[in-house]
N, C-alpha and C. Protein backbone atom coordinates (compact mmCIF):
# COMPACT_ATOMS: atom_id res chain seq x y z
N UNK A 1 14.69 -8.37 -7.17
CA UNK A 1 13.65 -8.30 -6.15
C UNK A 1 12.75 -9.54 -6.18
N UNK A 2 12.07 -9.82 -5.08
CA UNK A 2 11.15 -10.96 -5.02
C UNK A 2 9.95 -10.75 -5.93
N UNK A 3 9.17 -11.81 -6.20
CA UNK A 3 8.01 -11.66 -7.07
C UNK A 3 6.92 -10.78 -6.45
N UNK A 4 6.09 -10.21 -7.31
CA UNK A 4 5.00 -9.33 -6.88
C UNK A 4 3.83 -10.19 -6.42
N UNK A 5 3.24 -9.84 -5.27
CA UNK A 5 2.07 -10.57 -4.78
C UNK A 5 0.77 -9.82 -5.10
N UNK A 6 0.78 -8.48 -5.05
CA UNK A 6 -0.41 -7.70 -5.44
C UNK A 6 -0.02 -6.24 -5.65
N UNK A 7 -0.92 -5.50 -6.32
CA UNK A 7 -0.72 -4.09 -6.59
C UNK A 7 -2.03 -3.34 -6.40
N UNK A 8 -1.94 -2.06 -6.05
CA UNK A 8 -3.11 -1.20 -5.96
C UNK A 8 -2.69 0.24 -6.28
N UNK A 9 -3.64 0.99 -6.81
CA UNK A 9 -3.39 2.40 -7.13
C UNK A 9 -3.64 3.25 -5.90
N UNK A 10 -2.87 4.32 -5.78
CA UNK A 10 -3.00 5.26 -4.67
C UNK A 10 -3.20 6.64 -5.28
N UNK A 11 -4.38 7.22 -5.08
CA UNK A 11 -4.67 8.54 -5.64
C UNK A 11 -5.07 9.49 -4.54
N UNK A 12 -4.72 10.75 -4.71
CA UNK A 12 -5.06 11.77 -3.75
C UNK A 12 -6.54 12.10 -3.81
N UNK A 13 -7.06 12.62 -2.71
CA UNK A 13 -8.47 12.98 -2.65
C UNK A 13 -8.60 14.49 -2.51
N UNK A 14 -9.77 14.98 -2.79
CA UNK A 14 -10.09 16.41 -2.74
C UNK A 14 -9.13 17.21 -3.59
N UNK A 15 -8.40 18.15 -2.99
CA UNK A 15 -7.53 19.06 -3.76
C UNK A 15 -6.18 18.44 -4.11
N UNK A 16 -5.86 17.29 -3.51
CA UNK A 16 -4.56 16.68 -3.77
C UNK A 16 -4.58 15.95 -5.10
N UNK A 17 -3.59 16.17 -5.90
CA UNK A 17 -3.50 15.49 -7.18
C UNK A 17 -2.33 14.52 -7.18
N UNK A 18 -2.27 13.69 -6.17
CA UNK A 18 -1.17 12.76 -5.99
C UNK A 18 -1.56 11.39 -6.56
N UNK A 19 -0.66 10.81 -7.36
CA UNK A 19 -0.89 9.48 -7.90
C UNK A 19 0.36 8.64 -7.68
N UNK A 20 0.15 7.41 -7.22
CA UNK A 20 1.26 6.49 -7.01
C UNK A 20 0.75 5.07 -7.17
N UNK A 21 1.67 4.13 -7.27
CA UNK A 21 1.34 2.72 -7.37
C UNK A 21 1.97 2.01 -6.18
N UNK A 22 1.18 1.23 -5.46
CA UNK A 22 1.68 0.44 -4.34
C UNK A 22 1.86 -0.99 -4.82
N UNK A 23 3.05 -1.54 -4.64
CA UNK A 23 3.39 -2.88 -5.09
C UNK A 23 3.85 -3.69 -3.89
N UNK A 24 3.14 -4.79 -3.60
CA UNK A 24 3.52 -5.67 -2.50
C UNK A 24 4.35 -6.83 -3.05
N UNK A 25 5.45 -7.12 -2.38
CA UNK A 25 6.34 -8.20 -2.80
C UNK A 25 6.19 -9.38 -1.85
N UNK A 26 6.59 -10.56 -2.30
CA UNK A 26 6.45 -11.79 -1.51
C UNK A 26 7.25 -11.76 -0.20
N UNK A 27 8.29 -10.93 -0.11
CA UNK A 27 9.10 -10.87 1.10
C UNK A 27 8.51 -9.96 2.18
N UNK A 28 7.34 -9.33 1.90
CA UNK A 28 6.69 -8.48 2.89
C UNK A 28 6.89 -7.01 2.68
N UNK A 29 7.69 -6.62 1.71
CA UNK A 29 7.88 -5.19 1.41
C UNK A 29 6.72 -4.66 0.59
N UNK A 30 6.33 -3.41 0.86
CA UNK A 30 5.35 -2.69 0.05
C UNK A 30 6.07 -1.47 -0.48
N UNK A 31 6.20 -1.39 -1.79
CA UNK A 31 6.93 -0.30 -2.43
C UNK A 31 5.95 0.69 -3.05
N UNK A 32 6.25 1.98 -2.89
CA UNK A 32 5.43 3.04 -3.46
C UNK A 32 6.20 3.68 -4.61
N UNK A 33 5.59 3.64 -5.80
CA UNK A 33 6.22 4.19 -7.00
C UNK A 33 5.40 5.33 -7.56
N UNK A 34 6.09 6.34 -8.06
CA UNK A 34 5.49 7.39 -8.87
C UNK A 34 6.19 7.31 -10.22
N UNK A 35 5.52 6.71 -11.20
CA UNK A 35 6.18 6.41 -12.46
C UNK A 35 7.20 5.31 -12.22
N UNK A 36 8.45 5.56 -12.59
CA UNK A 36 9.52 4.59 -12.35
C UNK A 36 10.32 4.90 -11.09
N UNK A 37 9.98 6.00 -10.42
CA UNK A 37 10.73 6.44 -9.25
C UNK A 37 10.18 5.79 -7.98
N UNK A 38 11.06 5.15 -7.20
CA UNK A 38 10.70 4.56 -5.92
C UNK A 38 10.63 5.66 -4.88
N UNK A 39 9.44 5.84 -4.25
CA UNK A 39 9.26 6.91 -3.27
C UNK A 39 9.48 6.45 -1.83
N UNK A 40 8.96 5.23 -1.52
CA UNK A 40 9.03 4.78 -0.13
C UNK A 40 8.88 3.26 -0.08
N UNK A 41 9.41 2.64 0.97
CA UNK A 41 9.27 1.20 1.18
C UNK A 41 8.73 0.97 2.59
N UNK A 42 7.59 0.29 2.69
CA UNK A 42 7.03 -0.15 3.97
C UNK A 42 7.43 -1.61 4.15
N UNK A 43 7.94 -1.96 5.31
CA UNK A 43 8.34 -3.34 5.57
C UNK A 43 7.37 -3.96 6.56
N UNK A 44 6.85 -5.13 6.21
CA UNK A 44 5.94 -5.86 7.09
C UNK A 44 6.60 -7.18 7.47
N UNK A 45 6.09 -7.81 8.52
CA UNK A 45 6.69 -9.05 9.01
C UNK A 45 6.14 -10.29 8.32
N UNK A 46 5.07 -10.15 7.52
CA UNK A 46 4.42 -11.29 6.88
C UNK A 46 4.20 -10.98 5.40
N UNK A 47 3.95 -12.00 4.63
CA UNK A 47 3.70 -11.83 3.20
C UNK A 47 2.32 -11.24 2.97
N UNK A 48 2.23 -10.25 2.08
CA UNK A 48 0.97 -9.57 1.78
C UNK A 48 0.25 -10.33 0.67
N UNK A 49 -1.06 -10.61 0.88
CA UNK A 49 -1.85 -11.28 -0.16
C UNK A 49 -2.88 -10.35 -0.78
N UNK A 50 -3.19 -9.24 -0.14
CA UNK A 50 -4.12 -8.27 -0.69
C UNK A 50 -4.01 -6.95 0.02
N UNK A 51 -4.32 -5.87 -0.70
CA UNK A 51 -4.30 -4.54 -0.08
C UNK A 51 -5.19 -3.60 -0.87
N UNK A 52 -5.67 -2.57 -0.18
CA UNK A 52 -6.55 -1.59 -0.80
C UNK A 52 -6.30 -0.25 -0.13
N UNK A 53 -6.16 0.80 -0.95
CA UNK A 53 -5.96 2.15 -0.46
C UNK A 53 -7.23 2.95 -0.66
N UNK A 54 -7.62 3.72 0.35
CA UNK A 54 -8.81 4.56 0.22
C UNK A 54 -9.26 5.09 1.57
N UNK A 55 -10.54 5.36 1.67
CA UNK A 55 -11.11 5.91 2.90
C UNK A 55 -11.50 4.77 3.82
N UNK A 56 -11.13 4.91 5.10
CA UNK A 56 -11.47 3.92 6.12
C UNK A 56 -12.02 4.70 7.31
N UNK A 57 -13.33 4.67 7.49
CA UNK A 57 -13.94 5.50 8.52
C UNK A 57 -13.84 6.96 8.13
N UNK A 58 -13.29 7.78 9.01
CA UNK A 58 -13.12 9.20 8.72
C UNK A 58 -11.76 9.53 8.11
N UNK A 59 -10.88 8.55 8.08
CA UNK A 59 -9.55 8.77 7.52
C UNK A 59 -9.57 8.56 6.01
N UNK A 60 -9.02 9.52 5.26
CA UNK A 60 -9.03 9.44 3.81
C UNK A 60 -7.84 8.67 3.25
N UNK A 61 -6.76 8.61 3.95
CA UNK A 61 -5.55 7.98 3.43
C UNK A 61 -5.19 6.72 4.19
N UNK A 62 -5.99 5.67 4.08
CA UNK A 62 -5.74 4.44 4.80
C UNK A 62 -5.36 3.32 3.84
N UNK A 63 -4.43 2.50 4.25
CA UNK A 63 -4.03 1.33 3.49
C UNK A 63 -4.40 0.11 4.32
N UNK A 64 -5.35 -0.69 3.81
CA UNK A 64 -5.77 -1.91 4.49
C UNK A 64 -5.04 -3.07 3.84
N UNK A 65 -4.37 -3.88 4.67
CA UNK A 65 -3.49 -4.94 4.18
C UNK A 65 -3.97 -6.28 4.73
N UNK A 66 -4.05 -7.28 3.85
CA UNK A 66 -4.39 -8.65 4.24
C UNK A 66 -3.13 -9.50 4.12
N UNK A 67 -2.81 -10.24 5.18
CA UNK A 67 -1.58 -11.02 5.21
C UNK A 67 -1.86 -12.50 4.98
N UNK A 68 -0.82 -13.24 4.63
CA UNK A 68 -0.94 -14.68 4.36
C UNK A 68 -1.37 -15.46 5.60
N UNK A 69 -1.07 -14.96 6.78
CA UNK A 69 -1.44 -15.64 8.03
C UNK A 69 -2.91 -15.47 8.37
N UNK A 70 -3.61 -14.59 7.65
CA UNK A 70 -5.02 -14.31 7.92
C UNK A 70 -5.22 -13.01 8.68
N UNK A 71 -4.16 -12.38 9.08
CA UNK A 71 -4.25 -11.11 9.82
C UNK A 71 -4.58 -9.97 8.86
N UNK A 72 -5.18 -8.93 9.42
CA UNK A 72 -5.50 -7.72 8.66
C UNK A 72 -4.85 -6.53 9.36
N UNK A 73 -4.18 -5.70 8.60
CA UNK A 73 -3.55 -4.51 9.16
C UNK A 73 -4.06 -3.25 8.48
N UNK A 74 -4.10 -2.16 9.24
CA UNK A 74 -4.49 -0.88 8.68
C UNK A 74 -3.38 0.12 8.96
N UNK A 75 -2.89 0.74 7.92
CA UNK A 75 -1.89 1.80 8.04
C UNK A 75 -2.52 3.11 7.62
N UNK A 76 -2.49 4.09 8.50
CA UNK A 76 -2.95 5.43 8.18
C UNK A 76 -1.74 6.19 7.64
N UNK A 77 -1.78 6.57 6.38
CA UNK A 77 -0.65 7.23 5.76
C UNK A 77 -0.73 8.74 5.93
N UNK A 78 0.42 9.40 5.87
CA UNK A 78 0.49 10.83 6.07
C UNK A 78 -0.30 11.58 5.03
N UNK A 79 -0.82 12.73 5.44
CA UNK A 79 -1.62 13.56 4.52
C UNK A 79 -0.73 14.41 3.66
């Protein structure tokens, strides 16, 4: 796999006890891991330079992504 560009923790809120690790790769993929198990892969069109998971406005499960081009993306993840 390509080199890692950034990582962030993903934890559930309120009654959810969900924990995962989000790993962004230089090729634009964002991989979600629970331990060593790969849960999901998000594919983006640009290289990710930063990301943060948490509350964004009223949404509790938002992933804010900063791209190498200077663009910012927000993904609302499923509850």
